[in-house]
């Protein structure tokens, strides 16, 4: 049975509220509220024509397990099993007490990305693009270049990219290559 429009809107509002709650008090490197990032990732996917609720909800939730106290169970209850699975795929948690350098984190991310499902691939692509779009204004140039290079490697690791975001993939590749 199809959900009614009010049910769909209520569901999306619940997911947004969960993301707002989880990221409450967090800031981006540029000082903006952290919640602007998952909203931007969702909006970037929406602008590409993505209307799948699981993809858009995953965009809002993609950093919750990694960066907040929100639990898997809370994500499952509010957003559903498909979103939780994609968020798990996108989550990178450093071992307690171990600080990893950029090269090690990148190696792990690239290996992990080879096993992403389509939802995770779409969200990761928009996430990486959004992070770099912010980074060019706030990071040292060497960090931006290193992040862009890793972004190109990520695009390769995530092949094949779902057809729904091929245009975004081309745009991201061009953006990453220009830096």
Protein backbone atom coordinates (compact mmCIF):
# COMPACT_ATOMS: atom_id res chain seq x y z
CA UNK A 1 0.00 0.00 0.00
CA UNK A 2 1.33 3.46 -0.91
CA UNK A 3 1.88 6.02 1.79
CA UNK A 4 -0.18 9.19 1.60
CA UNK A 5 1.53 12.52 1.02
CA UNK A 6 1.02 13.60 4.68
CA UNK A 7 2.59 10.30 5.86
CA UNK A 8 5.61 10.80 3.59
CA UNK A 9 6.06 14.40 4.74
CA UNK A 10 5.78 13.35 8.41
CA UNK A 11 8.35 10.61 7.86
CA UNK A 12 10.83 13.03 6.25
CA UNK A 13 10.27 15.54 9.04
CA UNK A 14 11.03 12.81 11.60
CA UNK A 15 14.31 11.93 9.87
CA UNK A 16 15.32 15.60 9.68
CA UNK A 17 14.50 16.02 13.39
CA UNK A 18 16.67 12.99 14.21
CA UNK A 19 19.57 14.49 12.25
CA UNK A 20 19.09 17.89 13.91
CA UNK A 21 19.00 16.26 17.34
CA UNK A 22 22.11 14.18 16.64
CA UNK A 23 24.18 17.04 15.29
CA UNK A 24 22.96 19.61 17.83
CA UNK A 25 25.83 21.79 18.98
CA UNK A 26 28.27 20.46 16.36
CA UNK A 27 30.06 22.85 14.01
CA UNK A 28 31.72 22.52 10.59
CA UNK A 29 35.31 23.66 10.12
CA UNK A 30 33.95 26.97 8.79
CA UNK A 31 31.93 27.54 11.98
CA UNK A 32 28.50 26.82 10.50
CA UNK A 33 26.11 24.45 12.24
CA UNK A 34 26.98 20.88 11.27
CA UNK A 35 23.40 20.07 10.26
CA UNK A 36 23.90 22.27 7.19
CA UNK A 37 26.14 19.52 5.75
CA UNK A 38 23.68 16.58 5.72
CA UNK A 39 20.97 18.94 4.47
CA UNK A 40 23.29 20.11 1.68
CA UNK A 41 24.10 16.49 0.74
CA UNK A 42 20.36 15.71 0.57
CA UNK A 43 19.66 18.85 -1.45
CA UNK A 44 22.48 18.07 -3.90
CA UNK A 45 20.95 14.65 -4.54
CA UNK A 46 17.47 16.14 -4.88
CA UNK A 47 18.82 18.68 -7.39
CA UNK A 48 20.11 15.72 -9.45
CA UNK A 49 16.58 14.35 -9.65
CA UNK A 50 16.80 11.83 -6.82
CA UNK A 51 13.38 11.39 -5.23
CA UNK A 52 13.91 8.03 -3.52
CA UNK A 53 13.09 8.54 0.14
CA UNK A 54 15.69 6.01 1.35
CA UNK A 55 18.47 7.85 -0.52
CA UNK A 56 17.39 11.27 0.73
CA UNK A 57 16.94 10.00 4.30
CA UNK A 58 20.37 8.34 4.21
CA UNK A 59 21.86 11.67 3.17
CA UNK A 60 20.41 13.25 6.31
CA UNK A 61 21.57 10.37 8.53
CA UNK A 62 24.93 9.52 6.93
CA UNK A 63 27.14 10.86 9.75
CA UNK A 64 24.94 9.99 12.72
CA UNK A 65 26.62 6.73 13.79
CA UNK A 66 30.10 8.12 13.21
CA UNK A 67 29.77 11.54 14.81
CA UNK A 68 26.88 11.50 17.29
CA UNK A 69 25.29 9.49 20.09
CA UNK A 70 22.35 8.48 17.87
CA UNK A 71 22.03 4.68 17.87
CA UNK A 72 21.38 2.16 15.14
CA UNK A 73 18.04 1.38 16.77
CA UNK A 74 16.97 5.04 16.65
CA UNK A 75 17.83 5.22 12.94
CA UNK A 76 15.99 1.95 12.28
CA UNK A 77 12.85 3.16 14.08
CA UNK A 78 12.76 6.61 12.44
CA UNK A 79 14.21 5.94 8.97
CA UNK A 80 13.94 2.20 8.41
CA UNK A 81 16.18 -0.77 7.74
CA UNK A 82 17.39 0.28 4.25
CA UNK A 83 18.59 3.64 5.56
CA UNK A 84 20.29 2.01 8.55
CA UNK A 85 22.13 -0.44 6.28
CA UNK A 86 23.38 2.36 4.03
CA UNK A 87 24.45 4.45 7.04
CA UNK A 88 26.37 1.44 8.39
CA UNK A 89 28.16 1.13 5.04
CA UNK A 90 29.13 4.81 5.19
CA UNK A 91 30.33 4.75 8.79
CA UNK A 92 34.04 4.79 9.55
CA UNK A 93 34.86 4.56 13.23
CA UNK A 94 38.45 4.81 14.39
CA UNK A 95 39.50 2.23 16.97
CA UNK A 96 39.35 3.69 20.48
CA UNK A 97 42.53 5.51 21.36
CA UNK A 98 44.02 5.16 17.86
CA UNK A 99 44.54 8.22 15.71
CA UNK A 100 44.95 7.30 12.04
CA UNK A 101 46.66 9.50 9.47
CA UNK A 102 44.99 10.64 6.25
CA UNK A 103 46.68 7.98 4.08
CA UNK A 104 45.52 5.13 6.33
CA UNK A 105 41.97 6.50 6.54
CA UNK A 106 41.90 6.90 2.76
CA UNK A 107 43.11 3.34 2.15
CA UNK A 108 40.42 1.99 4.47
CA UNK A 109 37.73 4.18 2.88
CA UNK A 110 38.65 3.06 -0.64
CA UNK A 111 38.58 -0.61 0.33
CA UNK A 112 35.28 -0.12 2.14
CA UNK A 113 33.76 1.80 -0.81
CA UNK A 114 34.20 -1.19 -3.12
CA UNK A 115 31.40 -2.87 -1.17
CA UNK A 116 28.91 0.00 -0.99
CA UNK A 117 25.37 -0.57 -2.18
CA UNK A 118 23.78 1.91 -4.58
CA UNK A 119 22.26 4.09 -1.85
CA UNK A 120 25.62 4.43 -0.08
CA UNK A 121 27.37 5.21 -3.39
CA UNK A 122 24.95 8.01 -4.21
CA UNK A 123 25.21 9.56 -0.76
CA UNK A 124 29.01 9.20 -0.58
CA UNK A 125 29.38 10.91 -3.94
CA UNK A 126 27.28 13.89 -2.83
CA UNK A 127 29.00 13.90 0.59
CA UNK A 128 32.48 14.03 -0.90
CA UNK A 129 31.46 16.79 -3.30
CA UNK A 130 29.92 18.84 -0.50
CA UNK A 131 32.93 18.38 1.78
CA UNK A 132 35.32 19.56 -0.93
CA UNK A 133 33.09 22.50 -1.85
CA UNK A 134 33.40 23.68 1.76
CA UNK A 135 37.06 22.74 2.14
CA UNK A 136 38.32 24.96 -0.68
CA UNK A 137 37.38 27.98 1.44
CA UNK A 138 38.67 26.77 4.80
CA UNK A 139 41.55 24.32 4.42
CA UNK A 140 45.17 24.77 3.49
CA UNK A 141 45.70 24.22 -0.27
CA UNK A 142 47.75 21.02 0.22
CA UNK A 143 44.86 19.47 2.22
CA UNK A 144 42.31 20.43 -0.44
CA UNK A 145 44.45 18.89 -3.20
CA UNK A 146 44.99 15.71 -1.18
CA UNK A 147 41.24 15.44 -0.51
CA UNK A 148 40.40 16.01 -4.19
CA UNK A 149 42.90 13.32 -5.26
CA UNK A 150 41.33 10.90 -2.78
CA UNK A 151 37.94 11.88 -4.22
CA UNK A 152 39.05 10.76 -7.69
CA UNK A 153 40.27 7.47 -6.23
CA UNK A 154 36.92 7.08 -4.47
CA UNK A 155 35.02 7.55 -7.73
CA UNK A 156 37.07 4.73 -9.22
CA UNK A 157 36.52 2.46 -6.21
CA UNK A 158 32.74 2.95 -6.31
CA UNK A 159 32.32 1.85 -9.92
CA UNK A 160 29.83 1.27 -11.30
CA UNK A 161 28.08 4.44 -10.13
CA UNK A 162 24.26 4.19 -10.21
CA UNK A 163 22.76 5.72 -13.36
CA UNK A 164 20.69 8.11 -11.24
CA UNK A 165 23.81 10.12 -10.36
CA UNK A 166 25.99 9.80 -13.47
CA UNK A 167 25.64 13.54 -14.10
CA UNK A 168 26.77 14.28 -10.54
CA UNK A 169 29.65 11.84 -10.99
CA UNK A 170 30.84 13.71 -14.10
CA UNK A 171 30.51 17.03 -12.32
CA UNK A 172 32.37 15.75 -9.24
CA UNK A 173 35.14 14.23 -11.37
CA UNK A 174 35.63 17.52 -13.18
CA UNK A 175 35.58 19.43 -9.88
CA UNK A 176 38.11 17.06 -8.26
CA UNK A 177 40.40 17.18 -11.33
CA UNK A 178 40.41 20.99 -11.38
CA UNK A 179 41.87 21.23 -7.90
